[in-house]
N, C-alpha and C. Protein backbone atom coordinates (compact mmCIF):
# COMPACT_ATOMS: atom_id res chain seq x y z
N MET A 1 17.80 54.26 84.18
CA MET A 1 18.18 52.86 83.99
C MET A 1 19.22 52.78 82.87
N ILE A 2 20.25 52.02 83.12
CA ILE A 2 21.35 51.88 82.16
C ILE A 2 20.98 50.85 81.09
N SER A 3 21.28 51.18 79.85
CA SER A 3 20.95 50.25 78.77
C SER A 3 21.96 49.10 78.75
N THR A 4 21.56 48.02 78.15
CA THR A 4 22.41 46.84 78.08
C THR A 4 23.71 47.13 77.36
N SER A 5 23.64 47.85 76.26
CA SER A 5 24.86 48.13 75.49
C SER A 5 25.82 49.02 76.28
N LEU A 6 25.29 49.97 77.05
CA LEU A 6 26.16 50.80 77.88
C LEU A 6 26.80 49.98 78.99
N TRP A 7 26.02 49.07 79.58
CA TRP A 7 26.54 48.21 80.63
C TRP A 7 27.67 47.33 80.08
N ILE A 8 27.45 46.76 78.90
CA ILE A 8 28.48 45.92 78.27
C ILE A 8 29.72 46.76 77.96
N GLN A 9 29.51 47.96 77.42
CA GLN A 9 30.64 48.83 77.10
C GLN A 9 31.43 49.19 78.36
N LYS A 10 30.73 49.41 79.45
CA LYS A 10 31.38 49.80 80.71
C LYS A 10 32.08 48.63 81.38
N ASN A 11 31.49 47.44 81.34
CA ASN A 11 31.98 46.31 82.13
C ASN A 11 32.60 45.17 81.34
N GLY A 12 32.41 45.15 80.03
CA GLY A 12 32.83 44.01 79.22
C GLY A 12 34.31 43.70 79.30
N TYR A 13 35.15 44.72 79.19
CA TYR A 13 36.60 44.48 79.22
C TYR A 13 37.06 43.98 80.59
N VAL A 14 36.47 44.55 81.64
CA VAL A 14 36.85 44.12 82.99
C VAL A 14 36.45 42.66 83.22
N LEU A 15 35.24 42.31 82.79
CA LEU A 15 34.80 40.92 82.93
C LEU A 15 35.69 39.97 82.14
N MET A 16 36.01 40.37 80.90
CA MET A 16 36.89 39.53 80.08
C MET A 16 38.26 39.39 80.74
N GLN A 17 38.76 40.46 81.29
CA GLN A 17 40.06 40.44 81.96
C GLN A 17 40.05 39.42 83.11
N TYR A 18 39.04 39.48 83.95
CA TYR A 18 38.99 38.57 85.10
C TYR A 18 38.70 37.13 84.70
N PHE A 19 37.85 36.92 83.70
CA PHE A 19 37.56 35.56 83.26
C PHE A 19 38.79 34.91 82.64
N ILE A 20 39.48 35.63 81.77
CA ILE A 20 40.68 35.07 81.14
C ILE A 20 41.75 34.80 82.19
N ALA A 21 41.95 35.74 83.10
CA ALA A 21 42.93 35.54 84.17
C ALA A 21 42.58 34.31 85.00
N SER A 22 41.30 34.17 85.34
CA SER A 22 40.86 33.02 86.16
C SER A 22 41.12 31.70 85.45
N ILE A 23 40.86 31.67 84.15
CA ILE A 23 41.05 30.42 83.39
C ILE A 23 42.53 30.05 83.35
N PHE A 24 43.40 31.01 83.09
CA PHE A 24 44.84 30.71 83.06
C PHE A 24 45.34 30.26 84.43
N ILE A 25 44.88 30.92 85.49
CA ILE A 25 45.29 30.51 86.84
C ILE A 25 44.78 29.10 87.13
N TRP A 26 43.54 28.82 86.77
CA TRP A 26 42.95 27.51 86.99
C TRP A 26 43.74 26.43 86.24
N PHE A 27 43.99 26.64 84.96
CA PHE A 27 44.76 25.66 84.18
C PHE A 27 46.14 25.46 84.78
N GLY A 28 46.77 26.55 85.20
CA GLY A 28 48.10 26.45 85.80
C GLY A 28 48.09 25.67 87.10
N LEU A 29 47.09 25.92 87.94
CA LEU A 29 46.99 25.18 89.20
C LEU A 29 46.77 23.69 88.96
N LEU A 30 45.97 23.36 87.95
CA LEU A 30 45.76 21.95 87.63
C LEU A 30 47.08 21.28 87.26
N LYS A 31 47.91 21.98 86.49
CA LYS A 31 49.21 21.42 86.10
C LYS A 31 50.15 21.31 87.30
N LEU A 32 50.13 22.31 88.16
CA LEU A 32 51.02 22.29 89.33
C LEU A 32 50.65 21.20 90.32
N THR A 33 49.36 20.95 90.46
CA THR A 33 48.91 19.94 91.42
C THR A 33 48.92 18.53 90.83
N GLY A 34 49.21 18.44 89.54
CA GLY A 34 49.26 17.12 88.91
C GLY A 34 47.90 16.55 88.55
N THR A 35 46.87 17.37 88.58
CA THR A 35 45.52 16.89 88.26
C THR A 35 45.11 17.16 86.82
N ALA A 36 45.95 17.88 86.08
CA ALA A 36 45.65 18.16 84.66
C ALA A 36 45.97 16.92 83.83
N GLN A 37 45.17 16.72 82.80
CA GLN A 37 45.47 15.64 81.87
C GLN A 37 46.66 16.03 81.02
N VAL A 38 47.46 15.06 80.65
CA VAL A 38 48.59 15.32 79.78
C VAL A 38 48.05 15.60 78.39
N ASP A 39 48.30 16.81 77.88
CA ASP A 39 47.79 17.14 76.55
C ASP A 39 48.80 16.75 75.48
N LEU A 40 48.41 16.95 74.26
CA LEU A 40 49.23 16.51 73.12
C LEU A 40 50.60 17.16 73.13
N PHE A 41 50.66 18.44 73.45
CA PHE A 41 51.96 19.11 73.49
C PHE A 41 52.88 18.43 74.50
N MET A 42 52.35 18.17 75.69
CA MET A 42 53.15 17.53 76.73
C MET A 42 53.60 16.14 76.28
N GLU A 43 52.70 15.43 75.64
CA GLU A 43 53.03 14.10 75.12
C GLU A 43 54.17 14.17 74.11
N LEU A 44 54.10 15.14 73.20
CA LEU A 44 55.10 15.27 72.15
C LEU A 44 56.49 15.57 72.70
N PHE A 45 56.56 16.34 73.76
CA PHE A 45 57.85 16.77 74.28
C PHE A 45 58.32 16.01 75.50
N SER A 46 57.52 15.06 75.99
CA SER A 46 57.91 14.32 77.19
C SER A 46 59.13 13.44 76.95
N SER A 47 59.46 13.14 75.69
CA SER A 47 60.67 12.36 75.43
C SER A 47 61.92 13.24 75.54
N TYR A 48 61.75 14.55 75.46
CA TYR A 48 62.89 15.48 75.57
C TYR A 48 63.00 16.07 76.98
N ILE A 49 61.85 16.40 77.54
CA ILE A 49 61.80 16.99 78.88
C ILE A 49 60.83 16.15 79.71
N PRO A 50 61.28 15.63 80.85
CA PRO A 50 60.39 14.79 81.67
C PRO A 50 59.12 15.54 82.08
N LEU A 51 58.00 14.81 82.11
CA LEU A 51 56.72 15.42 82.48
C LEU A 51 56.75 16.06 83.86
N LYS A 52 57.54 15.49 84.77
CA LYS A 52 57.60 16.06 86.13
C LYS A 52 58.24 17.46 86.14
N ILE A 53 58.92 17.82 85.05
CA ILE A 53 59.48 19.18 84.90
C ILE A 53 58.58 20.00 83.99
N LEU A 54 58.12 19.39 82.90
CA LEU A 54 57.33 20.10 81.89
C LEU A 54 55.99 20.60 82.42
N MET A 55 55.26 19.73 83.11
CA MET A 55 53.93 20.11 83.62
C MET A 55 53.99 21.28 84.60
N PRO A 56 54.83 21.19 85.65
CA PRO A 56 54.89 22.33 86.58
C PRO A 56 55.41 23.61 85.92
N SER A 57 56.32 23.47 84.97
CA SER A 57 56.85 24.66 84.28
C SER A 57 55.73 25.38 83.53
N PHE A 58 54.91 24.61 82.83
CA PHE A 58 53.78 25.23 82.12
C PHE A 58 52.73 25.73 83.10
N GLY A 59 52.58 25.04 84.22
CA GLY A 59 51.66 25.52 85.25
C GLY A 59 52.07 26.88 85.78
N VAL A 60 53.36 27.03 86.06
CA VAL A 60 53.86 28.32 86.54
C VAL A 60 53.68 29.40 85.47
N LEU A 61 53.98 29.07 84.22
CA LEU A 61 53.81 30.04 83.13
C LEU A 61 52.35 30.48 83.02
N GLU A 62 51.42 29.53 83.08
CA GLU A 62 50.00 29.87 82.99
C GLU A 62 49.53 30.70 84.18
N ILE A 63 50.02 30.39 85.36
CA ILE A 63 49.67 31.18 86.55
C ILE A 63 50.23 32.59 86.43
N LEU A 64 51.47 32.72 85.95
CA LEU A 64 52.05 34.05 85.73
C LEU A 64 51.23 34.86 84.73
N ILE A 65 50.80 34.21 83.66
CA ILE A 65 49.97 34.90 82.68
C ILE A 65 48.67 35.37 83.34
N GLY A 66 48.02 34.48 84.06
CA GLY A 66 46.76 34.83 84.73
C GLY A 66 46.92 35.91 85.77
N MET A 67 47.92 35.78 86.63
CA MET A 67 48.12 36.77 87.69
C MET A 67 48.47 38.14 87.12
N SER A 68 49.29 38.16 86.07
CA SER A 68 49.68 39.45 85.49
C SER A 68 48.52 40.10 84.75
N MET A 69 47.52 39.31 84.38
CA MET A 69 46.35 39.89 83.71
C MET A 69 45.42 40.59 84.70
N LEU A 70 45.58 40.31 85.98
CA LEU A 70 44.68 40.89 86.98
C LEU A 70 44.96 42.36 87.26
N LYS A 71 46.19 42.79 87.01
CA LYS A 71 46.56 44.18 87.24
C LYS A 71 46.78 44.87 85.91
N ASN A 72 46.12 46.00 85.69
CA ASN A 72 46.22 46.70 84.42
C ASN A 72 47.65 47.03 84.02
N ASN A 73 48.48 47.41 84.99
CA ASN A 73 49.85 47.77 84.65
C ASN A 73 50.74 46.55 84.37
N TRP A 74 50.22 45.35 84.50
CA TRP A 74 50.97 44.12 84.20
C TRP A 74 50.45 43.40 82.96
N ILE A 75 49.37 43.88 82.36
CA ILE A 75 48.77 43.19 81.21
C ILE A 75 49.75 43.10 80.05
N LEU A 76 50.52 44.14 79.81
CA LEU A 76 51.48 44.08 78.70
C LEU A 76 52.55 43.01 78.96
N PHE A 77 52.90 42.79 80.23
CA PHE A 77 53.82 41.71 80.58
C PHE A 77 53.17 40.36 80.25
N SER A 78 51.89 40.22 80.56
CA SER A 78 51.20 38.96 80.25
C SER A 78 51.13 38.73 78.75
N ILE A 79 51.00 39.81 77.97
CA ILE A 79 50.99 39.68 76.51
C ILE A 79 52.34 39.13 76.03
N LYS A 80 53.43 39.62 76.62
CA LYS A 80 54.76 39.12 76.26
C LYS A 80 54.88 37.62 76.58
N LEU A 81 54.36 37.24 77.73
CA LEU A 81 54.37 35.80 78.08
C LEU A 81 53.52 35.00 77.09
N LEU A 82 52.39 35.58 76.69
CA LEU A 82 51.52 34.90 75.72
C LEU A 82 52.20 34.74 74.36
N LEU A 83 53.05 35.70 74.00
CA LEU A 83 53.76 35.59 72.73
C LEU A 83 54.77 34.45 72.74
N VAL A 84 55.20 34.04 73.92
CA VAL A 84 56.03 32.83 74.05
C VAL A 84 55.13 31.60 74.06
N TYR A 85 54.03 31.70 74.77
CA TYR A 85 53.11 30.58 74.98
C TYR A 85 52.35 30.17 73.71
N MET A 86 51.96 31.17 72.91
CA MET A 86 51.13 30.89 71.73
C MET A 86 51.78 29.93 70.73
N PRO A 87 53.00 30.20 70.28
CA PRO A 87 53.59 29.28 69.31
C PRO A 87 53.77 27.87 69.87
N ILE A 88 54.09 27.78 71.15
CA ILE A 88 54.25 26.46 71.78
C ILE A 88 52.92 25.72 71.78
N THR A 89 51.85 26.44 72.08
CA THR A 89 50.52 25.83 72.10
C THR A 89 50.11 25.32 70.72
N LEU A 90 50.54 26.03 69.67
CA LEU A 90 50.15 25.65 68.30
C LEU A 90 51.02 24.56 67.69
N LEU A 91 52.12 24.21 68.35
CA LEU A 91 53.03 23.21 67.79
C LEU A 91 52.37 21.87 67.42
N PRO A 92 51.42 21.37 68.19
CA PRO A 92 50.80 20.10 67.79
C PRO A 92 50.17 20.14 66.39
N PHE A 93 49.66 21.30 65.95
CA PHE A 93 49.11 21.39 64.60
C PHE A 93 50.18 21.16 63.55
N VAL A 94 51.43 21.49 63.88
CA VAL A 94 52.55 21.31 62.95
C VAL A 94 53.18 19.92 63.12
N LEU A 95 53.39 19.51 64.37
CA LEU A 95 54.12 18.27 64.64
C LEU A 95 53.25 17.02 64.62
N ALA A 96 51.97 17.16 64.91
CA ALA A 96 51.09 15.99 64.95
C ALA A 96 49.69 16.36 64.47
N PRO A 97 49.56 16.83 63.22
CA PRO A 97 48.25 17.26 62.74
C PRO A 97 47.23 16.12 62.71
N GLU A 98 47.70 14.90 62.54
CA GLU A 98 46.77 13.76 62.51
C GLU A 98 46.06 13.56 63.83
N GLN A 99 46.65 14.08 64.92
CA GLN A 99 46.00 13.98 66.22
C GLN A 99 45.13 15.19 66.53
N CYS A 100 45.25 16.22 65.72
CA CYS A 100 44.46 17.44 65.94
C CYS A 100 43.17 17.45 65.11
N TYR A 101 43.12 16.61 64.10
CA TYR A 101 41.95 16.59 63.21
C TYR A 101 41.38 15.18 63.13
N ILE A 102 40.06 15.11 63.05
CA ILE A 102 39.40 13.85 62.73
C ILE A 102 39.34 13.73 61.21
N ASP A 103 38.96 14.86 60.59
CA ASP A 103 38.90 14.93 59.13
C ASP A 103 39.43 16.30 58.70
N PHE A 104 40.65 16.33 58.24
CA PHE A 104 41.30 17.59 57.86
C PHE A 104 40.57 18.25 56.71
N PRO A 105 40.36 19.51 56.69
CA PRO A 105 40.77 20.56 57.62
C PRO A 105 39.64 21.08 58.50
N PHE A 106 38.47 20.44 58.48
CA PHE A 106 37.32 21.05 59.14
C PHE A 106 36.90 20.40 60.45
N ILE A 107 37.10 19.12 60.61
CA ILE A 107 36.61 18.44 61.81
C ILE A 107 37.78 18.22 62.76
N LEU A 108 37.77 19.00 63.83
CA LEU A 108 38.85 18.93 64.82
C LEU A 108 38.61 17.80 65.81
N SER A 109 39.70 17.24 66.29
CA SER A 109 39.62 16.28 67.39
C SER A 109 39.44 17.07 68.68
N LEU A 110 39.26 16.39 69.79
CA LEU A 110 39.12 17.05 71.09
C LEU A 110 40.39 17.87 71.39
N GLU A 111 41.53 17.32 71.05
CA GLU A 111 42.79 18.04 71.24
C GLU A 111 42.84 19.30 70.38
N GLY A 112 42.43 19.19 69.13
CA GLY A 112 42.40 20.35 68.24
C GLY A 112 41.47 21.42 68.75
N LYS A 113 40.31 21.02 69.27
CA LYS A 113 39.36 21.99 69.83
C LYS A 113 39.96 22.69 71.04
N SER A 114 40.67 21.96 71.85
CA SER A 114 41.31 22.53 73.03
C SER A 114 42.34 23.58 72.63
N ILE A 115 43.12 23.29 71.60
CA ILE A 115 44.13 24.24 71.13
C ILE A 115 43.47 25.49 70.59
N ILE A 116 42.41 25.33 69.82
CA ILE A 116 41.69 26.48 69.27
C ILE A 116 41.07 27.31 70.40
N SER A 117 40.56 26.65 71.44
CA SER A 117 40.01 27.37 72.59
C SER A 117 41.09 28.21 73.27
N HIS A 118 42.28 27.63 73.42
CA HIS A 118 43.40 28.38 73.99
C HIS A 118 43.71 29.60 73.12
N LEU A 119 43.66 29.41 71.82
CA LEU A 119 43.93 30.50 70.89
C LEU A 119 42.92 31.64 71.08
N ALA A 120 41.66 31.28 71.29
CA ALA A 120 40.62 32.29 71.52
C ALA A 120 40.89 33.05 72.82
N LEU A 121 41.29 32.34 73.87
CA LEU A 121 41.63 32.99 75.14
C LEU A 121 42.80 33.96 74.96
N MET A 122 43.82 33.49 74.25
CA MET A 122 44.99 34.33 74.03
C MET A 122 44.65 35.56 73.20
N SER A 123 43.79 35.39 72.22
CA SER A 123 43.36 36.53 71.39
C SER A 123 42.61 37.55 72.24
N GLY A 124 41.76 37.07 73.13
CA GLY A 124 41.05 37.98 74.03
C GLY A 124 42.02 38.75 74.92
N ALA A 125 43.06 38.10 75.39
CA ALA A 125 44.06 38.77 76.21
C ALA A 125 44.79 39.85 75.41
N ILE A 126 45.07 39.57 74.16
CA ILE A 126 45.74 40.55 73.31
C ILE A 126 44.83 41.76 73.06
N VAL A 127 43.53 41.51 72.90
CA VAL A 127 42.56 42.61 72.76
C VAL A 127 42.59 43.48 74.02
N LEU A 128 42.65 42.85 75.18
CA LEU A 128 42.73 43.60 76.44
C LEU A 128 43.98 44.46 76.47
N GLY A 129 45.11 43.89 76.05
CA GLY A 129 46.36 44.65 76.01
C GLY A 129 46.26 45.85 75.09
N GLY A 130 45.62 45.69 73.95
CA GLY A 130 45.43 46.80 73.03
C GLY A 130 44.53 47.87 73.62
N ARG A 131 43.50 47.47 74.30
CA ARG A 131 42.57 48.40 74.95
C ARG A 131 43.30 49.20 76.03
N LEU A 132 44.16 48.52 76.79
CA LEU A 132 44.93 49.18 77.84
C LEU A 132 45.86 50.22 77.23
N HIS A 133 46.50 49.87 76.13
CA HIS A 133 47.41 50.79 75.44
C HIS A 133 46.67 52.05 74.99
N ILE A 134 45.46 51.88 74.48
CA ILE A 134 44.64 53.03 74.05
C ILE A 134 44.31 53.92 75.26
N LYS A 135 43.96 53.30 76.39
CA LYS A 135 43.64 54.07 77.59
C LYS A 135 44.85 54.88 78.06
N ILE A 136 46.04 54.28 78.00
CA ILE A 136 47.26 54.98 78.42
C ILE A 136 47.50 56.19 77.52
N ILE A 137 47.32 56.01 76.21
CA ILE A 137 47.50 57.12 75.27
C ILE A 137 46.49 58.22 75.56
N GLU A 138 45.23 57.85 75.84
CA GLU A 138 44.19 58.84 76.12
C GLU A 138 44.53 59.64 77.38
N LEU A 139 45.11 58.99 78.38
CA LEU A 139 45.47 59.67 79.62
C LEU A 139 46.59 60.69 79.39
N LYS A 140 47.49 60.40 78.46
CA LYS A 140 48.61 61.28 78.19
C LYS A 140 48.20 62.51 77.38
N VAL A 141 47.12 62.39 76.61
CA VAL A 141 46.69 63.50 75.74
C VAL A 141 45.90 64.52 76.51
């Protein structure tokens, strides 16, 4: 019988890979179909770029991130996309902090919580990319 810790060690990264990919694809599809709520970032930039362009563009970016996470040889590409996506996602904390916090600096608004959740997803993806890099090095040695 396999122990729990061995099972987690064997399957944890794969599960994280598929869950993160699924979430990005899901968020992207919501934006593409027009069923996603307009978030603070979209609100902030809708005066510069119309929502009918901004929402689908971010939907495509999120789907690309999710789809590229599904294949091990594309994860590093998804990390590069995330490095573009991360600063954009964090912009509301800089441009509209009053909408990200109920009581600065500890009590986040729903929008602030959403941004932090995205940050956690992106961090998990970066961990996957690092793990993949280690596996590639191990194969070469």
